[in-house]
């Protein structure tokens, strides 16, 4: 029997002034112009959990960087972002979009985004649709690749 994931609130207690939602419309027509980040949890054998952070390209919808960990500190998204930046080597001006979780709004994450020449973008408060593209992949992972009741590892 699976136990519900522990409730984890990742919003920053005192977030810095958020970056605007700079994804722009319409959708990008070339890869490596807009990436979306998100975190999900996966059940493990024995009732434990791990966390998976990914960065997805908004044009190709491919995962360009990912990282698994037993906890979800800022390093979870930073390692995934470093992988994506190393493998894809995007041009300056890449828009890096995420929800307002503390991992993404942290000073360390903002510094890495700035160092890469990317533009930070965060979901608007109370608008769950802003990060829907990044979250859409979890549906496929959890319903098709990990059938109900199946542990990740």
Protein backbone atom coordinates (compact mmCIF):
# COMPACT_ATOMS: atom_id res chain seq x y z
CA UNK A 1 0.00 0.00 0.00
CA UNK A 2 1.34 3.40 -0.94
CA UNK A 3 1.29 6.19 1.57
CA UNK A 4 0.49 9.68 0.38
CA UNK A 5 3.53 11.87 -0.17
CA UNK A 6 4.35 14.13 2.72
CA UNK A 7 3.00 17.62 2.24
CA UNK A 8 5.92 19.85 1.35
CA UNK A 9 5.53 23.54 0.88
CA UNK A 10 8.44 24.97 -1.03
CA UNK A 11 7.41 28.59 -1.37
CA UNK A 12 9.95 31.01 -0.03
CA UNK A 13 8.96 32.54 3.32
CA UNK A 14 10.29 35.93 2.33
CA UNK A 15 10.94 35.69 -1.40
CA UNK A 16 12.91 38.35 -3.19
CA UNK A 17 11.01 40.45 -5.69
CA UNK A 18 10.03 37.87 -8.30
CA UNK A 19 11.04 38.10 -11.90
CA UNK A 20 8.15 38.70 -14.26
CA UNK A 21 6.57 35.90 -16.27
CA UNK A 22 8.82 36.44 -19.30
CA UNK A 23 7.94 33.37 -21.30
CA UNK A 24 6.15 35.52 -23.82
CA UNK A 25 3.58 34.41 -26.32
CA UNK A 26 3.42 32.66 -28.77
CA UNK A 27 5.38 29.51 -27.92
CA UNK A 28 9.03 29.39 -28.97
CA UNK A 29 9.72 28.07 -32.47
CA UNK A 30 13.27 26.86 -31.80
CA UNK A 31 14.90 24.80 -29.05
CA UNK A 32 16.85 26.36 -26.19
CA UNK A 33 14.89 29.60 -26.09
CA UNK A 34 12.63 28.74 -23.11
CA UNK A 35 13.13 26.06 -20.45
CA UNK A 36 10.63 25.20 -17.73
CA UNK A 37 11.60 23.67 -14.41
CA UNK A 38 9.63 21.60 -11.94
CA UNK A 39 10.02 19.03 -9.15
CA UNK A 40 7.96 15.92 -8.45
CA UNK A 41 8.20 13.06 -5.98
CA UNK A 42 8.48 9.36 -6.79
CA UNK A 43 7.66 6.52 -4.44
CA UNK A 44 10.37 4.04 -3.57
CA UNK A 45 10.16 0.49 -2.25
CA UNK A 46 9.65 0.52 1.49
CA UNK A 47 7.44 3.61 1.56
CA UNK A 48 10.24 6.13 1.05
CA UNK A 49 10.31 8.96 -1.50
CA UNK A 50 12.79 10.61 -3.81
CA UNK A 51 12.50 13.89 -5.65
CA UNK A 52 13.06 14.44 -9.36
CA UNK A 53 13.85 17.88 -10.75
CA UNK A 54 13.80 18.47 -14.48
CA UNK A 55 14.27 21.29 -16.94
CA UNK A 56 12.24 20.87 -20.15
CA UNK A 57 12.68 22.68 -23.42
CA UNK A 58 9.41 24.47 -24.24
CA UNK A 59 9.78 23.94 -28.00
CA UNK A 60 10.82 20.29 -28.19
CA UNK A 61 9.27 19.34 -24.81
CA UNK A 62 12.36 17.22 -24.17
CA UNK A 63 14.00 16.98 -20.78
CA UNK A 64 17.30 18.85 -21.12
CA UNK A 65 18.49 18.37 -17.52
CA UNK A 66 17.43 16.28 -14.54
CA UNK A 67 18.52 15.19 -11.07
CA UNK A 68 17.22 12.78 -8.43
CA UNK A 69 17.77 13.19 -4.69
CA UNK A 70 16.36 12.01 -1.36
CA UNK A 71 15.57 15.60 -0.39
CA UNK A 72 14.71 18.73 -2.34
CA UNK A 73 17.08 21.52 -1.42
CA UNK A 74 18.16 24.17 -3.90
CA UNK A 75 20.99 21.89 -5.08
CA UNK A 76 18.38 19.56 -6.59
CA UNK A 77 17.43 22.13 -9.24
CA UNK A 78 20.96 23.54 -9.52
CA UNK A 79 22.45 20.16 -10.48
CA UNK A 80 19.69 19.63 -13.06
CA UNK A 81 20.25 23.16 -14.41
CA UNK A 82 24.03 22.67 -14.58
CA UNK A 83 23.51 19.46 -16.55
CA UNK A 84 21.16 21.21 -18.97
CA UNK A 85 23.50 24.17 -19.45
CA UNK A 86 26.49 21.90 -20.04
CA UNK A 87 24.74 19.63 -22.52
CA UNK A 88 22.73 22.24 -24.43
CA UNK A 89 24.98 25.34 -24.20
CA UNK A 90 22.14 27.80 -24.91
CA UNK A 91 22.78 31.30 -26.21
CA UNK A 92 22.40 34.24 -23.83
CA UNK A 93 18.79 35.30 -23.42
CA UNK A 94 17.41 31.83 -22.67
CA UNK A 95 14.25 32.23 -20.56
CA UNK A 96 14.33 29.95 -17.51
CA UNK A 97 10.78 29.60 -16.18
CA UNK A 98 9.64 27.93 -12.95
CA UNK A 99 7.05 28.18 -10.23
CA UNK A 100 7.78 30.26 -7.14
CA UNK A 101 9.23 27.40 -5.09
CA UNK A 102 12.05 28.31 -2.74
CA UNK A 103 14.55 26.30 -4.76
CA UNK A 104 13.96 28.48 -7.83
CA UNK A 105 13.69 31.82 -6.03
CA UNK A 106 16.83 31.21 -3.96
CA UNK A 107 19.81 33.51 -4.32
CA UNK A 108 21.96 30.57 -5.49
CA UNK A 109 19.58 29.65 -8.29
CA UNK A 110 19.16 33.25 -9.39
CA UNK A 111 22.94 33.70 -9.42
CA UNK A 112 23.42 30.60 -11.61
CA UNK A 113 20.72 31.76 -14.02
CA UNK A 114 22.37 35.19 -14.23
CA UNK A 115 25.81 33.62 -14.69
CA UNK A 116 24.46 31.65 -17.66
CA UNK A 117 23.17 34.84 -19.29
CA UNK A 118 19.62 33.53 -18.95
CA UNK A 119 16.49 35.47 -18.01
CA UNK A 120 14.56 34.28 -14.93
CA UNK A 121 10.79 33.98 -15.18
CA UNK A 122 8.34 32.89 -12.48
CA UNK A 123 4.69 31.88 -12.50
CA UNK A 124 2.21 34.52 -11.49
CA UNK A 125 0.80 34.13 -7.96
CA UNK A 126 -2.31 31.97 -7.91
CA UNK A 127 -2.00 30.94 -11.56
CA UNK A 128 -1.31 27.18 -11.76
CA UNK A 129 -1.40 27.22 -15.56
CA UNK A 130 1.80 29.23 -15.96
CA UNK A 131 3.97 26.19 -15.24
CA UNK A 132 1.66 23.61 -16.82
CA UNK A 133 4.07 22.64 -19.59
CA UNK A 134 6.81 21.75 -17.12
CA UNK A 135 4.34 19.77 -15.03
CA UNK A 136 2.72 17.94 -17.96
CA UNK A 137 5.54 15.43 -18.25
CA UNK A 138 4.83 14.12 -14.75
CA UNK A 139 1.48 12.79 -15.97
CA UNK A 140 3.17 10.62 -18.58
CA UNK A 141 5.85 9.46 -16.18
CA UNK A 142 3.47 8.53 -13.39
CA UNK A 143 0.59 7.03 -15.41
CA UNK A 144 2.32 5.36 -18.34
CA UNK A 145 5.85 4.61 -17.20
CA UNK A 146 5.08 3.93 -13.53
CA UNK A 147 1.66 2.24 -13.43
CA UNK A 148 -0.48 2.87 -10.34
CA UNK A 149 1.04 1.30 -7.27
CA UNK A 150 4.45 0.76 -8.85
CA UNK A 151 7.49 2.04 -7.00
CA UNK A 152 10.16 3.93 -8.95
CA UNK A 153 12.95 1.93 -7.33
